[in-house]
Amino acid sequence: MNTSAVTIAETSSNSILYADRDEDQIHIAEYIDILLDHKWRVAAVTIFALLIGIAYALLATPVY
């Protein structure tokens, strides 16, 4: 009988659902900002891993 109350409740719950969906989305710009903020750390870890790989490849006993 009071259909306007139901409509308001449905509308407010839908907007809450949409707000929750917004918070659950991945924002790629945030991840890019984080990577750019730590670019020297990322570069250092990458170079370190590369040097370890090269050292292993050159110093390991070949297995044929």
PDB file of N, CA and C in Angstrom:
ATOM      1  N   MET A   1       0.787  -1.172   0.000  1.00  0.00           N
ATOM      2  CA  MET A   1       0.000   0.000   0.000  1.00  0.00           C
ATOM      3  C   MET A   1       0.848   1.263   0.000  1.00  0.00           C
ATOM      4  N   ASN A   2       1.945   1.251   0.698  1.00  0.00           N
ATOM      5  CA  ASN A   2       2.830   2.411   0.685  1.00  0.00           C
ATOM      6  C   ASN A   2       4.004   2.092  -0.245  1.00  0.00           C
ATOM      7  N   THR A   3       3.772   2.263  -1.515  1.00  0.00           N
ATOM      8  CA  THR A   3       4.764   1.867  -2.515  1.00  0.00           C
ATOM      9  C   THR A   3       5.942   2.833  -2.564  1.00  0.00           C
ATOM     10  N   SER A   4       5.769   4.072  -2.142  1.00  0.00           N
ATOM     11  CA  SER A   4       6.875   5.028  -2.191  1.00  0.00           C
ATOM     12  C   SER A   4       7.975   4.641  -1.205  1.00  0.00           C
ATOM     13  N   ALA A   5       7.622   4.071  -0.070  1.00  0.00           N
ATOM     14  CA  ALA A   5       8.630   3.647   0.902  1.00  0.00           C
ATOM     15  C   ALA A   5       9.460   2.503   0.340  1.00  0.00           C
ATOM     16  N   VAL A   6       8.800   1.590  -0.374  1.00  0.00           N
ATOM     17  CA  VAL A   6       9.512   0.467  -0.965  1.00  0.00           C
ATOM     18  C   VAL A   6      10.471   0.973  -2.047  1.00  0.00           C
ATOM     19  N   THR A   7      10.013   1.909  -2.844  1.00  0.00           N
ATOM     20  CA  THR A   7      10.841   2.458  -3.913  1.00  0.00           C
ATOM     21  C   THR A   7      12.060   3.168  -3.333  1.00  0.00           C
ATOM     22  N   ILE A   8      11.880   3.928  -2.277  1.00  0.00           N
ATOM     23  CA  ILE A   8      13.001   4.629  -1.655  1.00  0.00           C
ATOM     24  C   ILE A   8      13.985   3.619  -1.073  1.00  0.00           C
ATOM     25  N   ALA A   9      13.460   2.590  -0.414  1.00  0.00           N
ATOM     26  CA  ALA A   9      14.339   1.575   0.170  1.00  0.00           C
ATOM     27  C   ALA A   9      15.116   0.847  -0.925  1.00  0.00           C
ATOM     28  N   GLU A  10      14.450   0.520  -2.019  1.00  0.00           N
ATOM     29  CA  GLU A  10      15.141  -0.154  -3.115  1.00  0.00           C
ATOM     30  C   GLU A  10      16.194   0.761  -3.731  1.00  0.00           C
ATOM     31  N   THR A  11      15.852   2.007  -3.892  1.00  0.00           N
ATOM     32  CA  THR A  11      16.796   2.949  -4.480  1.00  0.00           C
ATOM     33  C   THR A  11      18.006   3.130  -3.584  1.00  0.00           C
ATOM     34  N   SER A  12      17.795   3.268  -2.286  1.00  0.00           N
ATOM     35  CA  SER A  12      18.930   3.479  -1.397  1.00  0.00           C
ATOM     36  C   SER A  12      19.785   2.221  -1.303  1.00  0.00           C
ATOM     37  N   SER A  13      19.166   1.043  -1.309  1.00  0.00           N
ATOM     38  CA  SER A  13      19.971  -0.181  -1.255  1.00  0.00           C
ATOM     39  C   SER A  13      20.749  -0.376  -2.550  1.00  0.00           C
ATOM     40  N   ASN A  14      20.165   0.003  -3.680  1.00  0.00           N
ATOM     41  CA  ASN A  14      20.879  -0.101  -4.953  1.00  0.00           C
ATOM     42  C   ASN A  14      22.076   0.841  -4.975  1.00  0.00           C
ATOM     43  N   SER A  15      21.916   2.047  -4.460  1.00  0.00           N
ATOM     44  CA  SER A  15      23.036   2.975  -4.448  1.00  0.00           C
ATOM     45  C   SER A  15      24.129   2.482  -3.512  1.00  0.00           C
ATOM     46  N   ILE A  16      23.752   1.819  -2.441  1.00  0.00           N
ATOM     47  CA  ILE A  16      24.743   1.235  -1.545  1.00  0.00           C
ATOM     48  C   ILE A  16      25.482   0.111  -2.266  1.00  0.00           C
ATOM     49  N   LEU A  17      24.759  -0.700  -3.019  1.00  0.00           N
ATOM     50  CA  LEU A  17      25.396  -1.775  -3.764  1.00  0.00           C
ATOM     51  C   LEU A  17      26.364  -1.218  -4.797  1.00  0.00           C
ATOM     52  N   TYR A  18      25.975  -0.163  -5.480  1.00  0.00           N
ATOM     53  CA  TYR A  18      26.861   0.441  -6.461  1.00  0.00           C
ATOM     54  C   TYR A  18      28.086   1.062  -5.790  1.00  0.00           C
ATOM     55  N   ALA A  19      27.913   1.643  -4.615  1.00  0.00           N
ATOM     56  CA  ALA A  19      29.047   2.204  -3.896  1.00  0.00           C
ATOM     57  C   ALA A  19      30.012   1.100  -3.502  1.00  0.00           C
ATOM     58  N   ASP A  20      29.500  -0.055  -3.071  1.00  0.00           N
ATOM     59  CA  ASP A  20      30.364  -1.182  -2.719  1.00  0.00           C
ATOM     60  C   ASP A  20      31.109  -1.692  -3.943  1.00  0.00           C
ATOM     61  N   ARG A  21      30.465  -1.724  -5.082  1.00  0.00           N
ATOM     62  CA  ARG A  21      31.120  -2.177  -6.309  1.00  0.00           C
ATOM     63  C   ARG A  21      32.268  -1.249  -6.674  1.00  0.00           C
ATOM     64  N   ASP A  22      32.101   0.055  -6.474  1.00  0.00           N
ATOM     65  CA  ASP A  22      33.158   1.016  -6.774  1.00  0.00           C
ATOM     66  C   ASP A  22      34.385   0.761  -5.911  1.00  0.00           C
ATOM     67  N   GLU A  23      34.184   0.453  -4.639  1.00  0.00           N
ATOM     68  CA  GLU A  23      35.297   0.209  -3.739  1.00  0.00           C
ATOM     69  C   GLU A  23      35.994  -1.105  -4.058  1.00  0.00           C
ATOM     70  N   ASP A  24      35.296  -2.066  -4.646  1.00  0.00           N
ATOM     71  CA  ASP A  24      35.868  -3.360  -4.960  1.00  0.00           C
ATOM     72  C   ASP A  24      36.645  -3.370  -6.266  1.00  0.00           C
ATOM     73  N   GLN A  25      36.520  -2.328  -7.067  1.00  0.00           N
ATOM     74  CA  GLN A  25      37.185  -2.304  -8.364  1.00  0.00           C
ATOM     75  C   GLN A  25      38.677  -2.041  -8.196  1.00  0.00           C
ATOM     76  N   ILE A  26      39.446  -2.574  -9.119  1.00  0.00           N
ATOM     77  CA  ILE A  26      40.885  -2.352  -9.136  1.00  0.00           C
ATOM     78  C   ILE A  26      41.144  -1.071  -9.910  1.00  0.00           C
ATOM     79  N   HIS A  27      41.865  -0.178  -9.294  1.00  0.00           N
ATOM     80  CA  HIS A  27      42.208   1.079  -9.949  1.00  0.00           C
ATOM     81  C   HIS A  27      43.665   0.980 -10.387  1.00  0.00           C
ATOM     82  N   ILE A  28      43.873   0.761 -11.670  1.00  0.00           N
ATOM     83  CA  ILE A  28      45.210   0.521 -12.212  1.00  0.00           C
ATOM     84  C   ILE A  28      46.119   1.719 -11.999  1.00  0.00           C
ATOM     85  N   ALA A  29      45.572   2.905 -11.965  1.00  0.00           N
ATOM     86  CA  ALA A  29      46.395   4.102 -11.757  1.00  0.00           C
ATOM     87  C   ALA A  29      47.070   4.076 -10.391  1.00  0.00           C
ATOM     88  N   GLU A  30      46.396   3.541  -9.385  1.00  0.00           N
ATOM     89  CA  GLU A  30      47.007   3.442  -8.056  1.00  0.00           C
ATOM     90  C   GLU A  30      48.208   2.510  -8.080  1.00  0.00           C
ATOM     91  N   TYR A  31      48.094   1.385  -8.792  1.00  0.00           N
ATOM     92  CA  TYR A  31      49.206   0.444  -8.871  1.00  0.00           C
ATOM     93  C   TYR A  31      50.368   1.035  -9.660  1.00  0.00           C
ATOM     94  N   ILE A  32      50.074   1.779 -10.698  1.00  0.00           N
ATOM     95  CA  ILE A  32      51.134   2.429 -11.475  1.00  0.00           C
ATOM     96  C   ILE A  32      51.849   3.457 -10.620  1.00  0.00           C
ATOM     97  N   ASP A  33      51.099   4.213  -9.836  1.00  0.00           N
ATOM     98  CA  ASP A  33      51.713   5.195  -8.933  1.00  0.00           C
ATOM     99  C   ASP A  33      52.626   4.523  -7.918  1.00  0.00           C
ATOM    100  N   ILE A  34      52.194   3.397  -7.385  1.00  0.00           N
ATOM    101  CA  ILE A  34      53.014   2.670  -6.408  1.00  0.00           C
ATOM    102  C   ILE A  34      54.304   2.190  -7.060  1.00  0.00           C
ATOM    103  N   LEU A  35      54.201   1.630  -8.270  1.00  0.00           N
ATOM    104  CA  LEU A  35      55.402   1.168  -8.970  1.00  0.00           C
ATOM    105  C   LEU A  35      56.346   2.317  -9.289  1.00  0.00           C
ATOM    106  N   LEU A  36      55.800   3.444  -9.686  1.00  0.00           N
ATOM    107  CA  LEU A  36      56.649   4.595  -9.998  1.00  0.00           C
ATOM    108  C   LEU A  36      57.304   5.164  -8.745  1.00  0.00           C
ATOM    109  N   ASP A  37      56.595   5.114  -7.623  1.00  0.00           N
ATOM    110  CA  ASP A  37      57.173   5.592  -6.368  1.00  0.00           C
ATOM    111  C   ASP A  37      58.351   4.722  -5.928  1.00  0.00           C
ATOM    112  N   HIS A  38      58.308   3.439  -6.266  1.00  0.00           N
ATOM    113  CA  HIS A  38      59.339   2.491  -5.844  1.00  0.00           C
ATOM    114  C   HIS A  38      60.162   1.980  -7.025  1.00  0.00           C
ATOM    115  N   LYS A  39      60.323   2.799  -8.048  1.00  0.00           N
ATOM    116  CA  LYS A  39      60.986   2.337  -9.264  1.00  0.00           C
ATOM    117  C   LYS A  39      62.437   1.939  -9.021  1.00  0.00           C
ATOM    118  N   TRP A  40      63.139   2.612  -8.121  1.00  0.00           N
ATOM    119  CA  TRP A  40      64.531   2.260  -7.863  1.00  0.00           C
ATOM    120  C   TRP A  40      64.630   0.929  -7.126  1.00  0.00           C
ATOM    121  N   ARG A  41      63.703   0.658  -6.245  1.00  0.00           N
ATOM    122  CA  ARG A  41      63.692  -0.619  -5.541  1.00  0.00           C
ATOM    123  C   ARG A  41      63.389  -1.757  -6.525  1.00  0.00           C
ATOM    124  N   VAL A  42      62.428  -1.530  -7.404  1.00  0.00           N
ATOM    125  CA  VAL A  42      62.089  -2.539  -8.415  1.00  0.00           C
ATOM    126  C   VAL A  42      63.284  -2.788  -9.326  1.00  0.00           C
ATOM    127  N   ALA A  43      63.961  -1.724  -9.747  1.00  0.00           N
ATOM    128  CA  ALA A  43      65.134  -1.861 -10.612  1.00  0.00           C
ATOM    129  C   ALA A  43      66.257  -2.596  -9.885  1.00  0.00           C
ATOM    130  N   ALA A  44      66.482  -2.288  -8.619  1.00  0.00           N
ATOM    131  CA  ALA A  44      67.552  -2.932  -7.860  1.00  0.00           C
ATOM    132  C   ALA A  44      67.287  -4.426  -7.693  1.00  0.00           C
ATOM    133  N   VAL A  45      66.058  -4.795  -7.377  1.00  0.00           N
ATOM    134  CA  VAL A  45      65.727  -6.215  -7.218  1.00  0.00           C
ATOM    135  C   VAL A  45      65.847  -6.946  -8.548  1.00  0.00           C
ATOM    136  N   THR A  46      65.434  -6.306  -9.622  1.00  0.00           N
ATOM    137  CA  THR A  46      65.530  -6.920 -10.948  1.00  0.00           C
ATOM    138  C   THR A  46      66.986  -7.143 -11.348  1.00  0.00           C
ATOM    139  N   ILE A  47      67.824  -6.144 -11.141  1.00  0.00           N
ATOM    140  CA  ILE A  47      69.245  -6.272 -11.484  1.00  0.00           C
ATOM    141  C   ILE A  47      69.915  -7.331 -10.608  1.00  0.00           C
ATOM    142  N   PHE A  48      69.568  -7.365  -9.327  1.00  0.00           N
ATOM    143  CA  PHE A  48      70.135  -8.366  -8.426  1.00  0.00           C
ATOM    144  C   PHE A  48      69.776  -9.779  -8.896  1.00  0.00           C
ATOM    145  N   ALA A  49      68.511  -9.991  -9.235  1.00  0.00           N
ATOM    146  CA  ALA A  49      68.081 -11.313  -9.707  1.00  0.00           C
ATOM    147  C   ALA A  49      68.770 -11.660 -11.027  1.00  0.00           C
ATOM    148  N   LEU A  50      68.925 -10.689 -11.893  1.00  0.00           N
ATOM    149  CA  LEU A  50      69.613 -10.906 -13.164  1.00  0.00           C
ATOM    150  C   LEU A  50      71.071 -11.308 -12.938  1.00  0.00           C
ATOM    151  N   LEU A  51      71.753 -10.633 -12.023  1.00  0.00           N
ATOM    152  CA  LEU A  51      73.152 -10.959 -11.728  1.00  0.00           C
ATOM    153  C   LEU A  51      73.282 -12.352 -11.107  1.00  0.00           C
ATOM    154  N   ILE A  52      72.364 -12.716 -10.234  1.00  0.00           N
ATOM    155  CA  ILE A  52      72.383 -14.056  -9.644  1.00  0.00           C
ATOM    156  C   ILE A  52      72.181 -15.103 -10.752  1.00  0.00           C
ATOM    157  N   GLY A  53      71.265 -14.863 -11.664  1.00  0.00           N
ATOM    158  CA  GLY A  53      71.021 -15.784 -12.765  1.00  0.00           C
ATOM    159  C   GLY A  53      72.220 -15.926 -13.684  1.00  0.00           C
ATOM    160  N   ILE A  54      72.862 -14.806 -13.991  1.00  0.00           N
ATOM    161  CA  ILE A  54      74.052 -14.838 -14.852  1.00  0.00           C
ATOM    162  C   ILE A  54      75.185 -15.590 -14.154  1.00  0.00           C
ATOM    163  N   ALA A  55      75.384 -15.308 -12.863  1.00  0.00           N
ATOM    164  CA  ALA A  55      76.443 -15.992 -12.114  1.00  0.00           C
ATOM    165  C   ALA A  55      76.188 -17.491 -12.084  1.00  0.00           C
ATOM    166  N   TYR A  56      74.974 -17.898 -11.862  1.00  0.00           N
ATOM    167  CA  TYR A  56      74.663 -19.324 -11.841  1.00  0.00           C
ATOM    168  C   TYR A  56      74.908 -19.961 -13.214  1.00  0.00           C
ATOM    169  N   ALA A  57      74.478 -19.263 -14.254  1.00  0.00           N
ATOM    170  CA  ALA A  57      74.638 -19.810 -15.606  1.00  0.00           C
ATOM    171  C   ALA A  57      76.111 -19.970 -15.974  1.00  0.00           C
ATOM    172  N   LEU A  58      76.951 -19.064 -15.520  1.00  0.00           N
ATOM    173  CA  LEU A  58      78.372 -19.124 -15.860  1.00  0.00           C
ATOM    174  C   LEU A  58      79.171 -20.061 -14.952  1.00  0.00           C
ATOM    175  N   LEU A  59      78.757 -20.197 -13.687  1.00  0.00           N
ATOM    176  CA  LEU A  59      79.560 -20.951 -12.727  1.00  0.00           C
ATOM    177  C   LEU A  59      79.065 -22.383 -12.500  1.00  0.00           C
ATOM    178  N   ALA A  60      77.857 -22.691 -12.893  1.00  0.00           N
ATOM    179  CA  ALA A  60      77.324 -24.037 -12.655  1.00  0.00           C
ATOM    180  C   ALA A  60      78.036 -25.054 -13.551  1.00  0.00           C
ATOM    181  N   THR A  61      78.187 -26.245 -13.023  1.00  0.00           N
ATOM    182  CA  THR A  61      78.780 -27.328 -13.806  1.00  0.00           C
ATOM    183  C   THR A  61      77.792 -27.758 -14.880  1.00  0.00           C
ATOM    184  N   PRO A  62      78.207 -27.764 -16.132  1.00  0.00           N
ATOM    185  CA  PRO A  62      77.283 -28.174 -17.209  1.00  0.00           C
ATOM    186  C   PRO A  62      76.871 -29.632 -17.072  1.00  0.00           C
ATOM    187  N   VAL A  63      75.620 -29.908 -17.316  1.00  0.00           N
ATOM    188  CA  VAL A  63      75.104 -31.272 -17.271  1.00  0.00           C
ATOM    189  C   VAL A  63      74.601 -31.615 -18.675  1.00  0.00           C
ATOM    190  N   TYR A  64      75.209 -32.618 -19.278  1.00  0.00           N
ATOM    191  CA  TYR A  64      74.834 -32.988 -20.646  1.00  0.00           C
ATOM    192  C   TYR A  64      74.091 -34.278 -20.656  1.00  0.00           C
TER     193      TYR A  64
END
